[in-house]
Amino acid sequence: MRHLPALLATLFTLPAALFTPPDTHAAPLPRPDHVVVVIEENRGYEQIMDKFNRDSYIHALAKRGMLMKQSFGVTHPSQPNYLALFSGSTQGVTSNACPNSFDSDNLASTLRDNGLSFASYAESLPAAGDTVCVSGAYMRKHNPLVNWQDTRLPADANLTFADFPKDFSRLPTITFVIPDQGNDMHDGGYDEADRWLKTHIDPYVRWAYRHNSLLILTWDEDNYFYGNHIVTLMVGPMVKKGVSEQRITHYNVLRTLLDFYGLPALGASTDATPIQDIWK
């Protein structure tokens, strides 16, 4: 006991930081001026990131930004994955049947209710606001916004890809880009989709680096052979370069989009964490 006073004196002179609990709060997310989310179709991670495609535009994007190596769809087939990404719920849908109509909160309505904006640009959609189920290579099952049109969302948020602005500063806060089945790997091949992305999306990517904006390139689901393991890429000036091993699904992506702007989580995204540790 005779050494106790000296021991206490030593403790009281140690740096206070040693007694401070570690900060368990995640770093704040960025607030992009614009986010463009492009959704591709029916390919597993291994099919996209294999050695045979290393010279592709998709691989160039992966090197430029962050490759989410453990990204997964939530179910099969296509349509409920799009609904999950858009609303935080598959809405009880288990097929690609059309039409559906819902009156719940979703990404677009939440943005609009808070003074922000959203639009979907679907390739080969016959006309803005069209609710057709099938038109050539356009499929409504890949355009989730339409299922809330006239209940929670106006027709002018459902646009054709021909309406995609050349002046990217006119883009809404968050944009979904829906290539048609000839260019999203559903019917066409990898090379066709890769060329489409380089032609139509790369101009936005180059602009985004100068204008605090972000590209998210993801897939709805795999081809049933890879455990629904898909590719998700994040590319923009606020993103580190590299590969992330954190496990994410469409719900984590949705939660991240909402958290960018301080908006409430939707559905199953409430229990999903936003994507962390990839931001500069």
C-alpha atoms as a PDB file:
ATOM      1  CA  MET A   1       0.000   0.000   0.000  1.00  0.00           C
ATOM      2  CA  ARG A   2       2.959   2.330   0.546  1.00  0.00           C
ATOM      3  CA  HIS A   3       3.287   2.638  -3.254  1.00  0.00           C
ATOM      4  CA  LEU A   4      -0.378   3.646  -3.807  1.00  0.00           C
ATOM      5  CA  PRO A   5       0.139   7.447  -3.681  1.00  0.00           C
ATOM      6  CA  ALA A   6       2.900   7.260  -6.272  1.00  0.00           C
ATOM      7  CA  LEU A   7       0.763   5.006  -8.495  1.00  0.00           C
ATOM      8  CA  LEU A   8      -2.175   7.418  -8.317  1.00  0.00           C
ATOM      9  CA  ALA A   9       0.054  10.356  -9.129  1.00  0.00           C
ATOM     10  CA  THR A  10       1.323   8.540 -12.197  1.00  0.00           C
ATOM     11  CA  LEU A  11      -2.203   7.749 -13.394  1.00  0.00           C
ATOM     12  CA  PHE A  12      -3.320  11.360 -13.030  1.00  0.00           C
ATOM     13  CA  THR A  13      -0.445  12.525 -15.215  1.00  0.00           C
ATOM     14  CA  LEU A  14      -1.190  10.138 -18.117  1.00  0.00           C
ATOM     15  CA  PRO A  15      -2.731  11.695 -21.257  1.00  0.00           C
ATOM     16  CA  ALA A  16      -6.489  12.061 -21.031  1.00  0.00           C
ATOM     17  CA  ALA A  17      -6.890  10.406 -24.447  1.00  0.00           C
ATOM     18  CA  LEU A  18      -5.997   7.057 -22.896  1.00  0.00           C
ATOM     19  CA  PHE A  19      -9.167   7.221 -20.803  1.00  0.00           C
ATOM     20  CA  THR A  20     -11.449   8.498 -23.587  1.00  0.00           C
ATOM     21  CA  PRO A  21     -13.719   5.840 -25.106  1.00  0.00           C
ATOM     22  CA  PRO A  22     -13.081   5.314 -28.827  1.00  0.00           C
ATOM     23  CA  ASP A  23     -15.389   7.210 -31.175  1.00  0.00           C
ATOM     24  CA  THR A  24     -17.867   4.636 -32.421  1.00  0.00           C
ATOM     25  CA  HIS A  25     -19.777   7.083 -34.636  1.00  0.00           C
ATOM     26  CA  ALA A  26     -19.353   6.586 -38.357  1.00  0.00           C
ATOM     27  CA  ALA A  27     -17.830   9.392 -40.336  1.00  0.00           C
ATOM     28  CA  PRO A  28     -20.427  11.615 -42.031  1.00  0.00           C
ATOM     29  CA  LEU A  29     -21.348  10.701 -45.572  1.00  0.00           C
ATOM     30  CA  PRO A  30     -20.756  13.098 -48.460  1.00  0.00           C
ATOM     31  CA  ARG A  31     -23.610  15.077 -49.973  1.00  0.00           C
ATOM     32  CA  PRO A  32     -23.284  14.716 -53.765  1.00  0.00           C
ATOM     33  CA  ASP A  33     -24.860  17.398 -55.914  1.00  0.00           C
ATOM     34  CA  HIS A  34     -26.146  14.658 -58.219  1.00  0.00           C
ATOM     35  CA  VAL A  35     -26.237  10.851 -58.140  1.00  0.00           C
ATOM     36  CA  VAL A  36     -26.853   8.720 -61.225  1.00  0.00           C
ATOM     37  CA  VAL A  37     -27.697   5.069 -60.560  1.00  0.00           C
ATOM     38  CA  VAL A  38     -27.410   2.784 -63.610  1.00  0.00           C
ATOM     39  CA  ILE A  39     -28.921  -0.687 -63.240  1.00  0.00           C
ATOM     40  CA  GLU A  40     -27.740  -3.623 -65.342  1.00  0.00           C
ATOM     41  CA  GLU A  41     -29.191  -7.105 -65.570  1.00  0.00           C
ATOM     42  CA  ASN A  42     -28.703 -10.743 -64.681  1.00  0.00           C
ATOM     43  CA  ARG A  43     -24.939 -11.170 -64.344  1.00  0.00           C
ATOM     44  CA  GLY A  44     -22.967 -12.492 -61.399  1.00  0.00           C
ATOM     45  CA  TYR A  45     -19.885 -10.802 -60.005  1.00  0.00           C
ATOM     46  CA  GLU A  46     -17.658 -13.524 -61.408  1.00  0.00           C
ATOM     47  CA  GLN A  47     -19.077 -12.998 -64.891  1.00  0.00           C
ATOM     48  CA  ILE A  48     -18.388  -9.264 -64.841  1.00  0.00           C
ATOM     49  CA  MET A  49     -15.039  -9.116 -63.077  1.00  0.00           C
ATOM     50  CA  ASP A  50     -13.385 -12.179 -64.633  1.00  0.00           C
ATOM     51  CA  LYS A  51     -10.062 -12.098 -66.463  1.00  0.00           C
ATOM     52  CA  PHE A  52     -11.652 -12.104 -69.920  1.00  0.00           C
ATOM     53  CA  ASN A  53     -13.066  -8.599 -69.610  1.00  0.00           C
ATOM     54  CA  ARG A  54     -10.127  -6.711 -68.117  1.00  0.00           C
ATOM     55  CA  ASP A  55      -9.902  -4.215 -71.008  1.00  0.00           C
ATOM     56  CA  SER A  56     -13.560  -3.208 -70.760  1.00  0.00           C
ATOM     57  CA  TYR A  57     -14.995   0.151 -69.785  1.00  0.00           C
ATOM     58  CA  ILE A  58     -16.605  -1.472 -66.744  1.00  0.00           C
ATOM     59  CA  HIS A  59     -13.202  -2.594 -65.514  1.00  0.00           C
ATOM     60  CA  ALA A  60     -11.838   0.897 -66.125  1.00  0.00           C
ATOM     61  CA  LEU A  61     -14.613   2.274 -63.923  1.00  0.00           C
ATOM     62  CA  ALA A  62     -13.744  -0.259 -61.218  1.00  0.00           C
ATOM     63  CA  LYS A  63     -10.135   0.951 -61.242  1.00  0.00           C
ATOM     64  CA  ARG A  64     -11.243   4.560 -61.102  1.00  0.00           C
ATOM     65  CA  GLY A  65     -13.539   4.180 -58.097  1.00  0.00           C
ATOM     66  CA  MET A  66     -14.581   1.683 -55.429  1.00  0.00           C
ATOM     67  CA  LEU A  67     -15.539  -1.885 -56.282  1.00  0.00           C
ATOM     68  CA  MET A  68     -17.935  -3.321 -53.701  1.00  0.00           C
ATOM     69  CA  LYS A  69     -16.678  -6.886 -53.748  1.00  0.00           C
ATOM     70  CA  GLN A  70     -19.405  -8.315 -51.486  1.00  0.00           C
ATOM     71  CA  SER A  71     -22.548  -6.891 -53.094  1.00  0.00           C
ATOM     72  CA  PHE A  72     -25.705  -8.996 -53.387  1.00  0.00           C
ATOM     73  CA  GLY A  73     -29.192  -8.854 -54.834  1.00  0.00           C
ATOM     74  CA  VAL A  74     -31.980  -9.521 -52.356  1.00  0.00           C
ATOM     75  CA  THR A  75     -34.040 -12.076 -54.269  1.00  0.00           C
ATOM     76  CA  HIS A  76     -35.049 -13.395 -57.703  1.00  0.00           C
ATOM     77  CA  PRO A  77     -36.372 -12.564 -60.269  1.00  0.00           C
ATOM     78  CA  SER A  78     -35.631  -9.045 -61.506  1.00  0.00           C
ATOM     79  CA  GLN A  79     -38.649  -6.967 -60.576  1.00  0.00           C
ATOM     80  CA  PRO A  80     -38.590  -7.322 -56.776  1.00  0.00           C
ATOM     81  CA  ASN A  81     -34.914  -6.300 -56.740  1.00  0.00           C
ATOM     82  CA  TYR A  82     -35.744  -3.031 -58.478  1.00  0.00           C
ATOM     83  CA  LEU A  83     -38.595  -2.470 -56.021  1.00  0.00           C
ATOM     84  CA  ALA A  84     -36.260  -3.158 -53.088  1.00  0.00           C
ATOM     85  CA  LEU A  85     -33.703  -0.636 -54.319  1.00  0.00           C
ATOM     86  CA  PHE A  86     -36.395   1.972 -54.963  1.00  0.00           C
ATOM     87  CA  SER A  87     -38.618   1.549 -51.911  1.00  0.00           C
ATOM     88  CA  GLY A  88     -36.909  -0.623 -49.310  1.00  0.00           C
ATOM     89  CA  SER A  89     -39.367  -3.432 -49.932  1.00  0.00           C
ATOM     90  CA  THR A  90     -40.164  -6.011 -52.579  1.00  0.00           C
ATOM     91  CA  GLN A  91     -43.803  -4.962 -52.011  1.00  0.00           C
ATOM     92  CA  GLY A  92     -44.795  -8.623 -51.847  1.00  0.00           C
ATOM     93  CA  VAL A  93     -43.913  -9.069 -55.523  1.00  0.00           C
ATOM     94  CA  THR A  94     -42.368 -12.434 -56.375  1.00  0.00           C
ATOM     95  CA  SER A  95     -42.516 -12.358 -60.174  1.00  0.00           C
ATOM     96  CA  ASN A  96     -42.049 -10.091 -63.181  1.00  0.00           C
ATOM     97  CA  ALA A  97     -45.800  -9.754 -63.685  1.00  0.00           C
ATOM     98  CA  CYS A  98     -47.130  -6.371 -64.807  1.00  0.00           C
ATOM     99  CA  PRO A  99     -48.770  -4.054 -63.893  1.00  0.00           C
ATOM    100  CA  ASN A 100     -48.431  -3.275 -60.196  1.00  0.00           C
ATOM    101  CA  SER A 101     -49.585  -0.185 -58.313  1.00  0.00           C
ATOM    102  CA  PHE A 102     -48.402   0.961 -54.878  1.00  0.00           C
ATOM    103  CA  ASP A 103     -49.084   3.954 -52.636  1.00  0.00           C
ATOM    104  CA  SER A 104     -46.201   3.735 -50.163  1.00  0.00           C
ATOM    105  CA  ASP A 105     -43.177   5.900 -49.467  1.00  0.00           C
ATOM    106  CA  ASN A 106     -40.262   5.438 -51.838  1.00  0.00           C
ATOM    107  CA  LEU A 107     -36.966   7.062 -52.771  1.00  0.00           C
ATOM    108  CA  ALA A 108     -38.525   9.502 -55.236  1.00  0.00           C
ATOM    109  CA  SER A 109     -41.421  10.593 -53.020  1.00  0.00           C
ATOM    110  CA  THR A 110     -39.103  11.033 -50.028  1.00  0.00           C
ATOM    111  CA  LEU A 111     -36.737  13.234 -52.034  1.00  0.00           C
ATOM    112  CA  ARG A 112     -39.570  15.302 -53.480  1.00  0.00           C
ATOM    113  CA  ASP A 113     -41.279  15.700 -50.104  1.00  0.00           C
ATOM    114  CA  ASN A 114     -38.039  17.219 -48.796  1.00  0.00           C
ATOM    115  CA  GLY A 115     -37.428  19.740 -51.549  1.00  0.00           C
ATOM    116  CA  LEU A 116     -35.126  17.508 -53.614  1.00  0.00           C
ATOM    117  CA  SER A 117     -35.729  15.803 -56.940  1.00  0.00           C
ATOM    118  CA  PHE A 118     -35.775  12.424 -58.680  1.00  0.00           C
ATOM    119  CA  ALA A 119     -36.373  11.132 -62.191  1.00  0.00           C
ATOM    120  CA  SER A 120     -36.114   7.819 -63.982  1.00  0.00           C
ATOM    121  CA  TYR A 121     -34.725   7.776 -67.548  1.00  0.00           C
ATOM    122  CA  ALA A 122     -35.681   4.530 -69.274  1.00  0.00           C
ATOM    123  CA  GLU A 123     -34.273   3.630 -72.670  1.00  0.00           C
ATOM    124  CA  SER A 124     -36.908   2.749 -75.327  1.00  0.00           C
ATOM    125  CA  LEU A 125     -39.791   3.931 -73.141  1.00  0.00           C
ATOM    126  CA  PRO A 126     -42.251   5.061 -75.871  1.00  0.00           C
ATOM    127  CA  ALA A 127     -43.011   8.441 -74.283  1.00  0.00           C
ATOM    128  CA  ALA A 128     -42.604  10.256 -70.989  1.00  0.00           C
ATOM    129  CA  GLY A 129     -45.209   9.058 -68.519  1.00  0.00           C
ATOM    130  CA  ASP A 130     -46.060   5.931 -70.505  1.00  0.00           C
ATOM    131  CA  THR A 131     -47.241   3.051 -68.286  1.00  0.00           C
ATOM    132  CA  VAL A 132     -47.010   0.317 -70.927  1.00  0.00           C
ATOM    133  CA  CYS A 133     -45.712  -3.039 -69.676  1.00  0.00           C
ATOM    134  CA  VAL A 134     -43.672  -3.918 -72.780  1.00  0.00           C
ATOM    135  CA  SER A 135     -42.564  -1.886 -75.791  1.00  0.00           C
ATOM    136  CA  GLY A 136     -39.819  -3.388 -77.924  1.00  0.00           C
ATOM    137  CA  ALA A 137     -36.782  -3.754 -75.676  1.00  0.00           C
ATOM    138  CA  TYR A 138     -38.343  -1.627 -72.904  1.00  0.00           C
ATOM    139  CA  MET A 139     -39.745  -3.545 -69.927  1.00  0.00           C
ATOM    140  CA  ARG A 140     -41.732  -1.848 -67.184  1.00  0.00           C
ATOM    141  CA  LYS A 141     -40.561  -4.513 -64.701  1.00  0.00           C
ATOM    142  CA  HIS A 142     -37.163  -2.730 -64.765  1.00  0.00           C
ATOM    143  CA  ASN A 143     -38.617   0.754 -64.214  1.00  0.00           C
ATOM    144  CA  PRO A 144     -39.846   0.741 -60.601  1.00  0.00           C
ATOM    145  CA  LEU A 145     -41.014   4.353 -60.452  1.00  0.00           C
ATOM    146  CA  VAL A 146     -43.966   3.590 -62.760  1.00  0.00           C
ATOM    147  CA  ASN A 147     -45.595   1.472 -60.063  1.00  0.00           C
ATOM    148  CA  TRP A 148     -46.135   4.635 -57.978  1.00  0.00           C
ATOM    149  CA  GLN A 149     -47.101   6.890 -60.900  1.00  0.00           C
ATOM    150  CA  ASP A 150     -50.412   8.672 -60.308  1.00  0.00           C
ATOM    151  CA  THR A 151     -50.558   7.467 -56.694  1.00  0.00           C
ATOM    152  CA  ARG A 152     -47.461   9.105 -55.185  1.00  0.00           C
ATOM    153  CA  LEU A 153     -45.470  10.310 -58.189  1.00  0.00           C
ATOM    154  CA  PRO A 154     -46.222  12.457 -61.238  1.00  0.00           C
ATOM    155  CA  ALA A 155     -45.855  11.278 -64.818  1.00  0.00           C
ATOM    156  CA  ASP A 156     -43.146  13.874 -65.462  1.00  0.00           C
ATOM    157  CA  ALA A 157     -40.718  11.871 -63.279  1.00  0.00           C
ATOM    158  CA  ASN A 158     -41.017   8.895 -65.666  1.00  0.00           C
ATOM    159  CA  LEU A 159     -38.852   9.973 -68.601  1.00  0.00           C
ATOM    160  CA  THR A 160     -37.314   8.424 -71.677  1.00  0.00           C
ATOM    161  CA  PHE A 161     -33.552   8.143 -71.971  1.00  0.00           C
ATOM    162  CA  ALA A 162     -33.832  10.560 -74.902  1.00  0.00           C
ATOM    163  CA  ASP A 163     -34.775  13.124 -72.214  1.00  0.00           C
ATOM    164  CA  PHE A 164     -31.477  12.594 -70.346  1.00  0.00           C
ATOM    165  CA  PRO A 165     -30.040  16.125 -70.334  1.00  0.00           C
ATOM    166  CA  LYS A 166     -26.860  17.036 -72.173  1.00  0.00           C
ATOM    167  CA  ASP A 167     -26.320  19.708 -69.511  1.00  0.00           C
ATOM    168  CA  PHE A 168     -25.786  17.452 -66.509  1.00  0.00           C
ATOM    169  CA  SER A 169     -26.350  20.314 -64.072  1.00  0.00           C
ATOM    170  CA  ARG A 170     -30.041  19.942 -65.004  1.00  0.00           C
ATOM    171  CA  LEU A 171     -30.161  16.392 -63.656  1.00  0.00           C
ATOM    172  CA  PRO A 172     -32.299  15.812 -60.562  1.00  0.00           C
ATOM    173  CA  THR A 173     -30.718  15.105 -57.197  1.00  0.00           C
ATOM    174  CA  ILE A 174     -30.935  11.341 -57.818  1.00  0.00           C
ATOM    175  CA  THR A 175     -31.476   9.717 -61.189  1.00  0.00           C
ATOM    176  CA  PHE A 176     -32.174   6.120 -62.140  1.00  0.00           C
ATOM    177  CA  VAL A 177     -30.977   5.186 -65.638  1.00  0.00           C
ATOM    178  CA  ILE A 178     -32.603   2.061 -67.045  1.00  0.00           C
ATOM    179  CA  PRO A 179     -30.975   0.720 -70.241  1.00  0.00           C
ATOM    180  CA  ASP A 180     -33.306  -1.405 -72.351  1.00  0.00           C
ATOM    181  CA  GLN A 181     -32.934  -5.173 -72.632  1.00  0.00           C
ATOM    182  CA  GLY A 182     -30.651  -4.848 -75.618  1.00  0.00           C
ATOM    183  CA  ASN A 183     -28.127  -2.825 -73.623  1.00  0.00           C
ATOM    184  CA  ASP A 184     -28.439  -4.034 -70.013  1.00  0.00           C
ATOM    185  CA  MET A 185     -27.021  -7.573 -70.543  1.00  0.00           C
ATOM    186  CA  HIS A 186     -30.487  -9.149 -70.339  1.00  0.00           C
ATOM    187  CA  ASP A 187     -30.779  -9.887 -74.055  1.00  0.00           C
ATOM    188  CA  GLY A 188     -27.615  -8.270 -75.371  1.00  0.00           C
ATOM    189  CA  GLY A 189     -24.131  -9.330 -74.327  1.00  0.00           C
ATOM    190  CA  TYR A 190     -21.422  -7.883 -72.140  1.00  0.00           C
ATOM    191  CA  ASP A 191     -19.757  -6.027 -75.001  1.00  0.00           C
ATOM    192  CA  GLU A 192     -22.960  -4.292 -76.103  1.00  0.00           C
ATOM    193  CA  ALA A 193     -23.672  -3.101 -72.571  1.00  0.00           C
ATOM    194  CA  ASP A 194     -20.077  -2.041 -72.054  1.00  0.00           C
ATOM    195  CA  ARG A 195     -20.102   0.076 -75.232  1.00  0.00           C
ATOM    196  CA  TRP A 196     -23.445   1.604 -74.234  1.00  0.00           C
ATOM    197  CA  LEU A 197     -22.066   2.642 -70.858  1.00  0.00           C
ATOM    198  CA  LYS A 198     -18.944   4.147 -72.387  1.00  0.00           C
ATOM    199  CA  THR A 199     -20.965   6.086 -74.962  1.00  0.00           C
ATOM    200  CA  HIS A 200     -23.818   7.305 -72.785  1.00  0.00           C
ATOM    201  CA  ILE A 201     -22.567   7.339 -69.197  1.00  0.00           C
ATOM    202  CA  ASP A 202     -18.867   8.209 -69.455  1.00  0.00           C
ATOM    203  CA  PRO A 203     -19.587  11.867 -70.363  1.00  0.00           C
ATOM    204  CA  TYR A 204     -21.492  12.162 -67.082  1.00  0.00           C
ATOM    205  CA  VAL A 205     -18.672  10.439 -65.162  1.00  0.00           C
ATOM    206  CA  ARG A 206     -16.093  12.892 -66.496  1.00  0.00           C
ATOM    207  CA  TRP A 207     -18.389  15.794 -65.607  1.00  0.00           C
ATOM    208  CA  ALA A 208     -19.123  14.334 -62.151  1.00  0.00           C
ATOM    209  CA  TYR A 209     -15.466  14.551 -61.121  1.00  0.00           C
ATOM    210  CA  ARG A 210     -15.584  18.313 -61.616  1.00  0.00           C
ATOM    211  CA  HIS A 211     -19.016  18.814 -60.054  1.00  0.00           C
ATOM    212  CA  ASN A 212     -19.225  16.876 -56.777  1.00  0.00           C
ATOM    213  CA  SER A 213     -21.389  14.168 -58.302  1.00  0.00           C
ATOM    214  CA  LEU A 214     -21.505  10.376 -58.153  1.00  0.00           C
ATOM    215  CA  LEU A 215     -22.127   7.352 -60.380  1.00  0.00           C
ATOM    216  CA  ILE A 216     -23.417   4.089 -58.932  1.00  0.00           C
ATOM    217  CA  LEU A 217     -23.332   1.184 -61.363  1.00  0.00           C
ATOM    218  CA  THR A 218     -25.057  -1.952 -60.105  1.00  0.00           C
ATOM    219  CA  TRP A 219     -26.862  -5.101 -61.213  1.00  0.00           C
ATOM    220  CA  ASP A 220     -30.332  -6.225 -60.190  1.00  0.00           C
ATOM    221  CA  GLU A 221     -29.432  -9.898 -59.633  1.00  0.00           C
ATOM    222  CA  ASP A 222     -27.085 -12.606 -60.855  1.00  0.00           C
ATOM    223  CA  ASN A 223     -27.989 -15.416 -63.256  1.00  0.00           C
ATOM    224  CA  TYR A 224     -29.017 -17.770 -60.399  1.00  0.00           C
ATOM    225  CA  PHE A 225     -25.598 -19.473 -60.320  1.00  0.00           C
ATOM    226  CA  TYR A 226     -23.485 -17.254 -58.025  1.00  0.00           C
ATOM    227  CA  GLY A 227     -25.506 -16.862 -54.836  1.00  0.00           C
ATOM    228  CA  ASN A 228     -26.929 -13.539 -56.121  1.00  0.00           C
ATOM    229  CA  HIS A 229     -23.423 -12.067 -55.914  1.00  0.00           C
ATOM    230  CA  ILE A 230     -23.396  -8.952 -58.110  1.00  0.00           C
ATOM    231  CA  VAL A 231     -21.145  -6.033 -58.993  1.00  0.00           C
ATOM    232  CA  THR A 232     -21.697  -2.590 -57.495  1.00  0.00           C
ATOM    233  CA  LEU A 233     -19.314   0.271 -58.354  1.00  0.00           C
ATOM    234  CA  MET A 234     -19.096   3.760 -56.832  1.00  0.00           C
ATOM    235  CA  VAL A 235     -17.300   6.359 -58.948  1.00  0.00           C
ATOM    236  CA  GLY A 236     -16.872  10.056 -58.223  1.00  0.00           C
ATOM    237  CA  PRO A 237     -14.623  12.665 -56.619  1.00  0.00           C
ATOM    238  CA  MET A 238     -15.792  11.791 -53.091  1.00  0.00           C
ATOM    239  CA  VAL A 239     -14.934   8.084 -53.508  1.00  0.00           C
ATOM    240  CA  LYS A 240     -11.645   6.421 -52.645  1.00  0.00           C
ATOM    241  CA  LYS A 241     -10.071   4.080 -55.190  1.00  0.00           C
ATOM    242  CA  GLY A 242      -9.947   0.439 -54.249  1.00  0.00           C
ATOM    243  CA  VAL A 243     -11.918  -2.659 -53.311  1.00  0.00           C
ATOM    244  CA  SER A 244     -14.289  -2.848 -50.345  1.00  0.00           C
ATOM    245  CA  GLU A 245     -15.065  -6.133 -48.608  1.00  0.00           C
ATOM    246  CA  GLN A 246     -18.111  -4.831 -46.683  1.00  0.00           C
ATOM    247  CA  ARG A 247     -21.214  -6.859 -47.434  1.00  0.00           C
ATOM    248  CA  ILE A 248     -24.035  -4.839 -48.976  1.00  0.00           C
ATOM    249  CA  THR A 249     -27.381  -5.396 -50.656  1.00  0.00           C
ATOM    250  CA  HIS A 250     -29.802  -3.102 -52.467  1.00  0.00           C
ATOM    251  CA  TYR A 251     -31.058  -2.037 -49.042  1.00  0.00           C
ATOM    252  CA  ASN A 252     -27.628  -0.709 -48.054  1.00  0.00           C
ATOM    253  CA  VAL A 253     -27.431   1.224 -51.318  1.00  0.00           C
ATOM    254  CA  LEU A 254     -30.873   2.729 -50.708  1.00  0.00           C
ATOM    255  CA  ARG A 255     -29.952   3.619 -47.117  1.00  0.00           C
ATOM    256  CA  THR A 256     -26.801   5.330 -48.380  1.00  0.00           C
ATOM    257  CA  LEU A 257     -28.736   7.370 -50.954  1.00  0.00           C
ATOM    258  CA  LEU A 258     -31.159   8.537 -48.265  1.00  0.00           C
ATOM    259  CA  ASP A 259     -28.427   9.250 -45.720  1.00  0.00           C
ATOM    260  CA  PHE A 260     -26.562  11.427 -48.235  1.00  0.00           C
ATOM    261  CA  TYR A 261     -29.363  13.970 -47.791  1.00  0.00           C
ATOM    262  CA  GLY A 262     -30.370  13.300 -44.179  1.00  0.00           C
ATOM    263  CA  LEU A 263     -33.631  11.611 -45.188  1.00  0.00           C
ATOM    264  CA  PRO A 264     -35.471   8.922 -43.208  1.00  0.00           C
ATOM    265  CA  ALA A 265     -34.773   5.290 -44.027  1.00  0.00           C
ATOM    266  CA  LEU A 266     -37.416   3.310 -45.894  1.00  0.00           C
ATOM    267  CA  GLY A 267     -38.599  -0.227 -45.195  1.00  0.00           C
ATOM    268  CA  ALA A 268     -35.805  -2.760 -44.848  1.00  0.00           C
ATOM    269  CA  SER A 269     -33.191  -0.059 -45.347  1.00  0.00           C
ATOM    270  CA  THR A 270     -33.955   0.948 -41.751  1.00  0.00           C
ATOM    271  CA  ASP A 271     -32.026  -2.125 -40.607  1.00  0.00           C
ATOM    272  CA  ALA A 272     -29.275  -1.721 -43.208  1.00  0.00           C
ATOM    273  CA  THR A 273     -26.168   0.338 -42.547  1.00  0.00           C
ATOM    274  CA  PRO A 274     -25.082   3.007 -45.026  1.00  0.00           C
ATOM    275  CA  ILE A 275     -21.938   2.213 -46.986  1.00  0.00           C
ATOM    276  CA  GLN A 276     -18.928   3.417 -45.011  1.00  0.00           C
ATOM    277  CA  ASP A 277     -15.153   3.665 -45.276  1.00  0.00           C
ATOM    278  CA  ILE A 278     -15.094   4.313 -49.022  1.00  0.00           C
ATOM    279  CA  TRP A 279     -15.481   8.082 -48.864  1.00  0.00           C
ATOM    280  CA  LYS A 280     -12.641  10.584 -48.981  1.00  0.00           C
END
